[in-house]
Amino acid sequence: MGKKINPLGFRLGANQSHRSVWFAQPKSYSRGLQEDEKIRDCINNYVQKNMKISSGFEGKGISHIEIQKKIDLIQVIIYMGSPNSLMEGQTRGIDELQTNVQKEFLSVNRRLNIAIIRVAKPYAQPTILAEHIALQLKNRVSFRKAMKSAIELTEQADTKGIQIQIAGRIDGKEIARVEWIREGRVPLQTIRAKIDHCSYTVRTIYGVLGIKIWIFVDEQ
C-alpha cells in the first residue's frame, strides 16, 4: 500500500471520527459539503488576519474545526493552540466572526453558535506544526533547520514519532524536488495506530511549497 490513502479516512471508525457531523438527503449533500468548506475558509481567514496583528503570533493557530448541524442550529467548535484576542475573554472577536459567517453563508432560519477550545499540546497537532514550518520558510530559514526545529517541538509534546515532507522549489532551486525527514515510529499501515495528518500549502517568493506531516500519537 502506498501513501495515496489519507491516514484520517483510513482510520475512520477505528480511532478517528468525522469532523463534520450532520445528515442530508443525496440531492442536498453536495450543497452541505460546500457550505462546510466555506465556513472553514471564512474562519481560517478571519483568525489568521487577527493573529498576524498580534506580536506573539508564532504560527500557533487553528488545529481543526468541527461542524455539527441540526435542523435550526449549526454548532462550530474551533480547536486552537495559543491564547489570542478570541480566547482571552474578549467576546467581541467571537461575536464579529459569528456575525460575518451568519450573514454570508447561512439563512435567517438557522442559528450559528461558535465555541473555542484550547489545545493542551499545540505542537502535537500537525496543522499548527505546519504553520510553524511555513512561517520559517517565508522568512527564508533553511528547510532542514525548519524541519529539525519542528521535530524538537514535537518531542516536547511526548509524541511517538513524526514524519515531515516538503515538496516544491525548495530554497529557490529551479528543479522541484521532495525532501523528508522522520523521527521515531510512524506506522502508516497499522490501523490501530492513531496517526494525525495534515497537508498544508505555503506561498513563498520562489513559488508554492507543499508541506505534509504525519504524527504518531498513540496505539490502541
Protein backbone atom coordinates (compact mmCIF):
# COMPACT_ATOMS: atom_id res chain seq x y z
CA MET A 1 0.00 0.00 0.00
CA GLY A 2 1.36 3.41 -0.99
CA LYS A 3 0.85 6.82 0.55
CA LYS A 4 -2.20 7.64 -1.56
CA ILE A 5 -4.71 6.97 1.24
CA ASN A 6 -5.43 9.73 3.73
CA PRO A 7 -4.46 8.39 7.19
CA LEU A 8 -7.53 10.02 8.78
CA GLY A 9 -10.02 8.48 6.34
CA PHE A 10 -8.22 5.14 6.55
CA ARG A 11 -8.88 5.01 10.31
CA LEU A 12 -12.48 6.28 10.43
CA GLY A 13 -14.47 4.18 12.87
CA ALA A 14 -11.33 2.74 14.48
CA ASN A 15 -9.71 5.69 16.28
CA GLN A 16 -10.73 8.67 14.12
CA SER A 17 -14.11 10.37 13.80
CA HIS A 18 -15.68 12.72 11.26
CA ARG A 19 -15.11 16.45 11.68
CA SER A 20 -18.46 17.22 10.09
CA VAL A 21 -21.43 15.59 11.83
CA TRP A 22 -24.75 16.01 10.00
CA PHE A 23 -27.23 14.19 7.79
CA ALA A 24 -28.56 15.27 4.38
CA GLN A 25 -30.52 13.84 1.51
CA PRO A 26 -28.48 12.86 -1.59
CA LYS A 27 -29.71 15.88 -3.57
CA SER A 28 -28.59 18.38 -0.94
CA TYR A 29 -25.41 16.60 0.23
CA SER A 30 -23.04 18.48 -2.10
CA ARG A 31 -24.52 21.82 -1.05
CA GLY A 32 -23.95 21.00 2.62
CA LEU A 33 -20.38 19.91 1.90
CA GLN A 34 -19.61 23.17 0.10
CA GLU A 35 -21.17 25.11 2.97
CA ASP A 36 -18.83 23.40 5.45
CA GLU A 37 -15.82 24.25 3.29
CA LYS A 38 -16.84 27.91 3.03
CA ILE A 39 -17.41 28.18 6.78
CA ARG A 40 -13.96 26.72 7.49
CA ASP A 41 -12.28 29.04 4.97
CA CYS A 42 -14.04 32.08 6.43
CA ILE A 43 -12.99 31.19 9.99
CA ASN A 44 -9.39 30.43 8.96
CA ASN A 45 -9.04 33.71 7.09
CA TYR A 46 -10.51 35.72 9.95
CA VAL A 47 -8.34 34.10 12.64
CA GLN A 48 -5.12 34.36 10.61
CA LYS A 49 -5.80 38.03 9.85
CA ASN A 50 -6.33 38.85 13.53
CA MET A 51 -3.43 36.75 14.82
CA LYS A 52 -0.96 38.40 12.41
CA ILE A 53 -1.71 41.71 14.12
CA SER A 54 -0.70 40.15 17.43
CA SER A 55 3.02 40.43 18.25
CA GLY A 56 3.12 36.97 19.81
CA PHE A 57 2.00 35.13 16.68
CA GLU A 58 4.28 32.13 16.10
CA GLY A 59 2.16 30.02 13.80
CA LYS A 60 0.03 28.55 16.59
CA GLY A 61 -3.38 28.96 15.03
CA ILE A 62 -6.25 26.59 14.36
CA SER A 63 -5.76 22.86 14.84
CA HIS A 64 -9.07 21.80 13.29
CA ILE A 65 -12.72 22.80 13.09
CA GLU A 66 -15.66 20.55 13.90
CA ILE A 67 -19.12 21.32 12.48
CA GLN A 68 -22.31 19.82 13.90
CA LYS A 69 -25.56 20.57 12.10
CA LYS A 70 -29.10 20.31 13.39
CA ILE A 71 -32.38 21.44 11.85
CA ASP A 72 -32.17 25.06 13.03
CA LEU A 73 -28.68 25.22 14.58
CA ILE A 74 -25.09 24.91 13.38
CA GLN A 75 -22.55 24.30 16.13
CA VAL A 76 -18.94 25.15 15.18
CA ILE A 77 -16.13 24.12 17.53
CA ILE A 78 -12.72 25.67 16.86
CA TYR A 79 -9.67 23.94 18.36
CA MET A 80 -6.84 26.46 18.74
CA GLY A 81 -3.30 26.27 20.01
CA SER A 82 -2.43 29.59 21.65
CA PRO A 83 -4.26 32.32 23.57
CA ASN A 84 -5.21 35.34 21.48
CA SER A 85 -7.89 38.02 21.33
CA LEU A 86 -10.55 35.40 20.55
CA MET A 87 -9.77 33.34 23.65
CA GLU A 88 -8.88 35.84 26.39
CA GLY A 89 -12.45 36.72 27.31
CA GLN A 90 -12.81 39.37 24.63
CA THR A 91 -16.00 38.08 23.10
CA ARG A 92 -16.15 40.93 20.59
CA GLY A 93 -13.94 38.91 18.21
CA ILE A 94 -16.14 35.83 18.51
CA ASP A 95 -19.31 37.86 18.03
CA GLU A 96 -17.86 39.59 14.99
CA LEU A 97 -16.76 36.29 13.48
CA GLN A 98 -20.15 34.72 14.19
CA THR A 99 -21.95 37.67 12.60
CA ASN A 100 -19.81 37.51 9.45
CA VAL A 101 -20.35 33.77 8.95
CA GLN A 102 -24.07 34.03 9.71
CA LYS A 103 -24.56 36.91 7.29
CA GLU A 104 -22.55 35.43 4.42
CA PHE A 105 -23.36 31.73 4.37
CA LEU A 106 -26.42 30.91 6.47
CA SER A 107 -30.11 31.58 6.05
CA VAL A 108 -32.23 33.53 8.53
CA ASN A 109 -33.93 30.39 9.85
CA ARG A 110 -30.67 28.79 11.04
CA ARG A 111 -28.73 29.92 14.08
CA LEU A 112 -24.95 29.71 14.43
CA ASN A 113 -23.05 29.01 17.63
CA ILE A 114 -19.24 29.21 17.72
CA ALA A 115 -17.19 27.79 20.59
CA ILE A 116 -13.40 27.80 21.05
CA ILE A 117 -11.45 25.05 22.80
CA ARG A 118 -7.77 25.44 23.62
CA VAL A 119 -5.50 22.55 22.65
CA ALA A 120 -3.32 21.43 25.57
CA LYS A 121 -0.30 20.49 23.41
CA PRO A 122 -0.34 22.69 20.31
CA TYR A 123 2.82 21.28 18.74
CA ALA A 124 1.36 17.78 18.83
CA GLN A 125 -1.14 18.98 16.20
CA PRO A 126 0.11 18.64 12.59
CA THR A 127 -1.72 21.71 11.26
CA ILE A 128 -0.24 24.01 13.90
CA LEU A 129 3.18 22.48 13.32
CA ALA A 130 2.83 23.01 9.56
CA GLU A 131 2.02 26.69 10.15
CA HIS A 132 5.16 26.95 12.26
CA ILE A 133 7.27 25.49 9.42
CA ALA A 134 5.53 27.65 6.81
CA LEU A 135 6.31 30.81 8.80
CA GLN A 136 10.01 29.92 8.89
CA LEU A 137 10.10 29.11 5.18
CA LYS A 138 8.55 32.50 4.40
CA ASN A 139 11.32 34.11 6.46
CA ARG A 140 13.88 32.27 4.29
CA VAL A 141 15.05 29.90 7.01
CA SER A 142 16.73 26.74 5.69
CA PHE A 143 14.17 23.96 5.20
CA ARG A 144 16.35 21.45 7.07
CA LYS A 145 16.62 23.77 10.05
CA ALA A 146 12.86 24.35 9.95
CA MET A 147 12.12 20.60 9.91
CA LYS A 148 14.56 19.86 12.74
CA SER A 149 13.07 22.69 14.80
CA ALA A 150 9.60 21.21 14.27
CA ILE A 151 10.80 17.78 15.37
CA GLU A 152 12.25 19.23 18.58
CA LEU A 153 8.94 20.92 19.37
CA THR A 154 7.07 17.67 18.73
CA GLU A 155 9.37 15.72 21.06
CA GLN A 156 8.45 18.12 23.87
CA ALA A 157 4.79 17.18 23.27
CA ASP A 158 5.50 13.49 24.04
CA THR A 159 4.64 12.04 20.64
CA LYS A 160 5.91 8.65 19.49
CA GLY A 161 7.02 9.66 16.01
CA ILE A 162 6.79 12.26 13.27
CA GLN A 163 7.39 12.41 9.54
CA ILE A 164 7.67 15.72 7.65
CA GLN A 165 7.70 16.12 3.88
CA ILE A 166 8.28 19.32 1.90
CA ALA A 167 7.81 19.40 -1.89
CA GLY A 168 8.35 22.12 -4.48
CA ARG A 169 11.08 24.56 -5.43
CA ILE A 170 12.88 24.26 -2.11
CA ASP A 171 15.38 27.06 -1.40
CA GLY A 172 14.55 28.57 -4.79
CA LYS A 173 16.08 25.76 -6.88
CA GLU A 174 14.91 25.62 -10.49
CA ILE A 175 14.03 21.94 -10.30
CA ALA A 176 11.31 20.94 -7.85
CA ARG A 177 12.07 18.07 -5.50
CA VAL A 178 10.80 16.31 -2.39
CA GLU A 179 12.64 16.32 0.93
CA TRP A 180 11.51 14.45 4.01
CA ILE A 181 12.66 13.56 7.49
CA ARG A 182 11.37 11.10 10.07
CA GLU A 183 11.97 10.71 13.78
CA GLY A 184 10.61 7.76 15.79
CA ARG A 185 7.95 5.34 14.53
CA VAL A 186 5.24 6.28 12.03
CA PRO A 187 3.30 3.04 11.25
CA LEU A 188 1.01 4.24 8.44
CA GLN A 189 -0.29 0.75 7.63
CA THR A 190 -1.33 -0.11 11.19
CA ILE A 191 -5.00 0.77 11.69
CA ARG A 192 -4.85 0.63 15.49
CA ALA A 193 -2.12 3.30 15.45
CA LYS A 194 -3.62 6.77 15.75
CA ILE A 195 -1.99 8.97 13.11
CA ASP A 196 -2.70 12.69 12.80
CA HIS A 197 -2.08 14.06 9.32
CA CYS A 198 -2.29 17.37 7.50
CA SER A 199 -1.49 18.74 4.07
CA TYR A 200 -0.58 22.42 4.09
CA THR A 201 0.24 24.86 1.26
CA VAL A 202 2.59 27.80 1.72
CA ARG A 203 3.28 30.53 -0.83
CA THR A 204 6.87 31.80 -0.89
CA ILE A 205 8.74 34.19 -3.20
CA TYR A 206 10.05 31.12 -5.09
CA GLY A 207 6.63 29.57 -5.60
CA VAL A 208 4.21 27.23 -3.85
CA LEU A 209 5.54 24.61 -1.44
CA GLY A 210 3.55 21.67 -0.09
CA ILE A 211 4.03 20.51 3.49
CA LYS A 212 2.78 17.15 4.71
CA ILE A 213 3.07 15.99 8.31
CA TRP A 214 2.29 12.63 9.91
CA ILE A 215 2.35 12.40 13.72
CA PHE A 216 2.12 9.08 15.56
CA VAL A 217 0.08 9.94 18.65
CA ASP A 218 -0.77 6.62 20.31
CA GLU A 219 -1.53 2.97 19.67
CA GLN A 220 -4.62 1.17 20.89
